Amino acid sequence: MDDSYFGYKSEKYGAATEIRTLGHLTRSQVLYSVELRNLRLLIPLPSMLPTKPPGLRLNEVSKATIVVEMYQDICCPFSKNMYQTVRHGVIPALSAKHLSDNIEFVWQSVPQPWHPQSGLMHDALMAAYLVDASKVAIYIDEVFARQDEFFDDKTKHLTRVQIYDQLIQISGECGYDIPAMARLLDMERVEGNAGLEQVTQQLKWAVKYHRVRGVHVTPTVFINGIEADDVSSNWNSAQWLDKLEPMFA
């Protein structure tokens, strides 16, 4: 059953029919079965919710007054340009000015469907987050640095498992526990169309989050919950600082 529908079967009408639902069905959720004459409805419990807001934190801040969310695709060259500028230019510059304790930069995953391999790359990011969130910024950095290894022309003959294997090896170079990453991305334990359990659930939350925000283009930037549509992927560090520093006043 698709996770966006109630399903019901009717003895009278035979074939299963679908109607809209209010929640999402996952393997871990319980279904109630209600008999209404010859109609059996499958009613899901409320959807599971994340224990913290979605997003991969690029710098640890306990009480940020400014939150910069960067909605990016790991297979997008424009996202790569922005990420590298922020991580290697903007964040160190703010730290040098003793401003970094008041601002948090958050990566939001936006897998773009015209890059089929992108979803697999974001799976690996979710796995990295689950294994060790403190290293995830380093891992994003390294995958971006080797982004062209995952372009269409390089992956057109690769299987899903082969792409995961490449991403797992890169994680090892970033200090990740390779067996832990491999367990989370192990397709051998997948049943039916259930996905990769924890990894898939994290990615579902990420996708739902950016859809609710109406994000389509990557990269897109939100500052304190409002889209900053003037921010460009080709901005340098000075332009970022011109945008952010007045907010500290």
Protein backbone atom coordinates (compact mmCIF):
# COMPACT_ATOMS: atom_id res chain seq x y z
CA MET A 1 0.00 0.00 0.00
CA ASP A 2 1.30 3.46 -0.85
CA ASP A 3 2.09 5.55 2.23
CA SER A 4 -0.19 8.39 1.16
CA TYR A 5 -3.49 6.53 0.97
CA PHE A 6 -6.01 4.54 2.91
CA GLY A 7 -6.66 1.28 1.16
CA TYR A 8 -9.91 -0.58 1.35
CA LYS A 9 -11.31 -3.77 -0.10
CA SER A 10 -14.95 -4.33 -0.84
CA GLU A 11 -16.45 -7.77 -1.37
CA LYS A 12 -19.18 -6.16 -3.42
CA TYR A 13 -16.92 -4.25 -5.81
CA GLY A 14 -14.00 -6.68 -5.85
CA ALA A 15 -10.81 -4.80 -6.72
CA ALA A 16 -9.05 -2.75 -4.07
CA THR A 17 -9.77 0.96 -4.21
CA GLU A 18 -7.80 3.88 -2.78
CA ILE A 19 -9.00 7.00 -1.02
CA ARG A 20 -7.01 9.85 0.52
CA THR A 21 -5.50 9.51 3.97
CA LEU A 22 -4.54 11.90 6.74
CA GLY A 23 -1.32 10.10 7.63
CA HIS A 24 1.50 7.93 6.38
CA LEU A 25 1.70 4.17 6.68
CA THR A 26 5.02 2.60 7.56
CA ARG A 27 5.96 -0.90 8.53
CA SER A 28 6.37 0.19 12.12
CA GLN A 29 2.84 1.58 12.38
CA VAL A 30 -0.16 -0.39 13.52
CA LEU A 31 -3.32 -0.67 11.45
CA TYR A 32 -6.75 -0.96 12.90
CA SER A 33 -9.18 -3.10 10.94
CA VAL A 34 -12.78 -1.94 11.10
CA GLU A 35 -15.52 -4.11 9.66
CA LEU A 36 -18.38 -2.13 8.20
CA ARG A 37 -20.72 -4.70 6.63
CA ASN A 38 -18.84 -5.71 3.49
CA LEU A 39 -16.29 -2.86 3.66
CA ARG A 40 -13.01 -3.19 5.56
CA LEU A 41 -11.11 0.05 6.24
CA LEU A 42 -7.44 0.14 7.17
CA ILE A 43 -6.95 3.14 9.45
CA PRO A 44 -3.39 4.24 10.30
CA LEU A 45 -2.27 5.61 13.62
CA PRO A 46 -0.80 9.16 13.52
CA SER A 47 2.52 9.42 11.68
CA MET A 48 5.78 9.12 13.57
CA LEU A 49 7.44 12.47 14.17
CA PRO A 50 11.15 13.31 14.43
CA THR A 51 12.56 13.96 17.89
CA LYS A 52 14.18 17.17 16.64
CA PRO A 53 13.63 19.50 13.65
CA PRO A 54 14.88 18.01 10.35
CA GLY A 55 18.24 19.10 9.08
CA LEU A 56 21.94 18.35 9.39
CA ARG A 57 23.68 20.89 11.64
CA LEU A 58 26.91 22.23 10.18
CA ASN A 59 27.99 24.00 13.37
CA GLU A 60 26.94 23.24 16.94
CA VAL A 61 25.24 26.19 18.62
CA SER A 62 23.27 25.84 21.84
CA LYS A 63 21.19 29.03 21.62
CA ALA A 64 21.27 30.45 18.12
CA THR A 65 19.39 33.69 17.49
CA ILE A 66 19.92 33.36 13.73
CA VAL A 67 19.24 30.13 11.82
CA VAL A 68 20.35 29.81 8.22
CA GLU A 69 18.84 26.83 6.40
CA MET A 70 20.44 25.84 3.11
CA TYR A 71 18.20 23.59 1.02
CA GLN A 72 20.61 21.74 -1.22
CA ASP A 73 21.03 18.71 -3.45
CA ILE A 74 24.29 16.82 -2.99
CA CYS A 75 24.39 16.20 -6.76
CA CYS A 76 23.83 19.88 -7.66
CA PRO A 77 26.93 21.92 -8.69
CA PHE A 78 25.29 25.17 -7.56
CA SER A 79 24.64 23.68 -4.12
CA LYS A 80 28.27 22.60 -3.98
CA ASN A 81 29.47 26.13 -4.69
CA MET A 82 27.31 27.63 -1.93
CA TYR A 83 28.18 24.94 0.60
CA GLN A 84 31.91 25.30 0.12
CA THR A 85 31.71 29.09 0.40
CA VAL A 86 29.70 28.92 3.61
CA ARG A 87 31.64 26.13 5.30
CA HIS A 88 35.15 27.28 4.37
CA GLY A 89 34.60 31.03 4.16
CA VAL A 90 31.55 32.35 5.97
CA ILE A 91 31.58 30.20 9.12
CA PRO A 92 35.32 30.77 9.81
CA ALA A 93 34.91 34.51 9.17
CA LEU A 94 32.03 34.73 11.65
CA SER A 95 34.08 32.75 14.16
CA ALA A 96 36.98 35.20 13.77
CA LYS A 97 34.56 38.04 14.53
CA HIS A 98 33.25 36.13 17.59
CA LEU A 99 29.79 35.92 16.05
CA SER A 100 29.54 32.20 15.36
CA ASP A 101 27.99 31.37 18.76
CA ASN A 102 24.79 33.16 17.76
CA ILE A 103 24.19 31.68 14.32
CA GLU A 104 23.44 28.15 13.20
CA PHE A 105 23.82 26.79 9.66
CA VAL A 106 21.59 23.85 8.80
CA TRP A 107 21.74 21.65 5.71
CA GLN A 108 18.33 20.57 4.40
CA SER A 109 18.29 17.66 1.94
CA VAL A 110 16.52 18.21 -1.40
CA PRO A 111 17.12 15.22 -3.70
CA GLN A 112 16.31 16.33 -7.23
CA PRO A 113 14.50 13.66 -9.27
CA TRP A 114 16.25 14.53 -12.54
CA HIS A 115 19.40 13.13 -10.91
CA PRO A 116 18.22 9.57 -10.08
CA GLN A 117 21.42 8.85 -8.18
CA SER A 118 20.80 11.88 -5.95
CA GLY A 119 18.33 9.99 -3.77
CA LEU A 120 20.97 7.34 -3.08
CA MET A 121 23.50 10.02 -2.19
CA HIS A 122 21.04 11.56 0.27
CA ASP A 123 20.43 8.09 1.73
CA ALA A 124 24.14 8.00 2.53
CA LEU A 125 23.94 11.43 4.18
CA MET A 126 21.07 10.23 6.36
CA ALA A 127 23.09 7.14 7.30
CA ALA A 128 26.06 9.34 8.19
CA TYR A 129 23.83 11.50 10.36
CA LEU A 130 22.53 8.43 12.19
CA VAL A 131 26.01 6.96 12.74
CA ASP A 132 27.72 10.18 13.87
CA ALA A 133 26.06 13.56 13.40
CA SER A 134 29.22 15.37 14.54
CA LYS A 135 31.07 14.35 11.36
CA VAL A 136 28.27 14.94 8.87
CA ALA A 137 29.57 18.36 7.71
CA ILE A 138 32.91 16.75 6.87
CA TYR A 139 31.16 13.99 4.96
CA ILE A 140 29.02 16.42 2.95
CA ASP A 141 32.19 18.36 2.17
CA GLU A 142 33.98 15.27 0.87
CA VAL A 143 31.04 14.01 -1.21
CA PHE A 144 30.74 17.47 -2.76
CA ALA A 145 34.48 17.46 -3.49
CA ARG A 146 33.99 14.20 -5.42
CA GLN A 147 30.59 15.09 -6.80
CA ASP A 148 31.54 14.51 -10.43
CA GLU A 149 32.16 10.83 -9.62
CA PHE A 150 28.38 10.56 -9.22
CA PHE A 151 27.29 12.49 -12.30
CA ASP A 152 25.05 10.78 -14.84
CA ASP A 153 27.88 9.79 -17.17
CA LYS A 154 29.80 8.10 -14.34
CA THR A 155 26.87 6.24 -12.77
CA LYS A 156 24.79 5.23 -15.80
CA HIS A 157 25.99 1.61 -15.63
CA LEU A 158 26.19 1.30 -11.83
CA THR A 159 23.69 -0.48 -9.59
CA ARG A 160 22.19 0.99 -6.44
CA VAL A 161 24.45 -1.21 -4.33
CA GLN A 162 27.57 -0.11 -6.22
CA ILE A 163 26.73 3.55 -5.68
CA TYR A 164 26.16 2.91 -1.97
CA ASP A 165 29.51 1.12 -1.80
CA GLN A 166 31.30 4.16 -3.23
CA LEU A 167 29.59 6.44 -0.73
CA ILE A 168 30.41 4.11 2.16
CA GLN A 169 34.08 4.11 1.20
CA ILE A 170 34.11 7.92 1.16
CA SER A 171 32.56 7.92 4.64
CA GLY A 172 35.45 5.77 5.86
CA GLU A 173 37.88 8.40 4.61
CA CYS A 174 35.99 10.92 6.77
CA GLY A 175 36.43 8.87 9.92
CA TYR A 176 33.15 6.98 9.84
CA ASP A 177 32.75 3.40 10.98
CA ILE A 178 32.40 1.61 7.62
CA PRO A 179 30.59 -1.47 9.02
CA ALA A 180 28.05 0.80 10.74
CA MET A 181 27.41 2.70 7.50
CA ALA A 182 27.20 -0.56 5.55
CA ARG A 183 24.59 -1.97 7.93
CA LEU A 184 22.32 1.04 7.46
CA LEU A 185 22.67 0.88 3.67
CA ASP A 186 22.46 -2.91 3.37
CA MET A 187 20.01 -3.77 0.59
CA GLU A 188 20.20 -7.49 1.43
CA ARG A 189 17.94 -7.02 4.45
CA VAL A 190 15.29 -5.03 2.57
CA GLU A 191 11.90 -6.71 2.25
CA GLY A 192 9.45 -5.80 -0.48
CA ASN A 193 9.37 -2.05 -1.09
CA ALA A 194 9.98 -1.05 2.52
CA GLY A 195 13.21 0.87 2.00
CA LEU A 196 16.09 1.16 4.43
CA GLU A 197 14.10 1.62 7.64
CA GLN A 198 15.82 4.36 9.69
CA VAL A 199 17.56 5.86 6.67
CA THR A 200 14.39 5.97 4.60
CA GLN A 201 12.44 7.47 7.50
CA GLN A 202 14.99 10.26 7.91
CA LEU A 203 14.84 11.02 4.20
CA LYS A 204 11.03 11.01 4.22
CA TRP A 205 11.05 13.63 6.98
CA ALA A 206 13.60 15.70 5.05
CA VAL A 207 11.54 15.58 1.84
CA LYS A 208 8.29 16.34 3.64
CA TYR A 209 9.97 19.31 5.34
CA HIS A 210 11.16 20.96 2.12
CA ARG A 211 7.87 20.23 0.35
CA VAL A 212 5.93 21.96 3.12
CA ARG A 213 8.26 24.95 2.68
CA GLY A 214 7.59 24.98 -1.05
CA VAL A 215 11.27 24.52 -1.97
CA HIS A 216 11.92 23.46 -5.56
CA VAL A 217 15.16 25.09 -6.71
CA THR A 218 18.52 24.15 -5.24
CA PRO A 219 20.09 25.84 -3.51
CA THR A 220 17.43 27.82 -1.65
CA VAL A 221 18.17 29.70 1.58
CA PHE A 222 15.85 30.47 4.49
CA ILE A 223 16.97 32.79 7.29
CA ASN A 224 14.96 32.59 10.51
CA GLY A 225 12.18 30.80 8.65
CA ILE A 226 11.84 33.30 5.80
CA GLU A 227 13.12 32.66 2.28
CA ALA A 228 16.08 34.89 1.44
CA ASP A 229 15.52 34.91 -2.30
CA ASP A 230 18.34 37.39 -2.96
CA VAL A 231 21.01 34.93 -1.78
CA SER A 232 22.82 33.42 -4.75
CA SER A 233 24.94 30.32 -5.19
CA ASN A 234 27.71 32.49 -6.67
CA TRP A 235 27.99 34.77 -3.64
CA ASN A 236 31.41 35.07 -2.06
CA SER A 237 32.06 35.25 1.68
CA ALA A 238 31.99 39.07 1.74
CA GLN A 239 28.50 39.14 0.25
CA TRP A 240 27.30 36.62 2.83
CA LEU A 241 28.77 38.71 5.64
CA ASP A 242 27.12 41.86 4.28
CA LYS A 243 23.82 39.99 4.49
CA LEU A 244 24.29 38.46 7.93
CA GLU A 245 26.29 40.92 10.04
CA PRO A 246 23.53 43.57 10.34
CA MET A 247 21.35 40.89 11.96
CA PHE A 248 23.69 40.74 14.96
CA ALA A 249 23.15 44.39 15.86
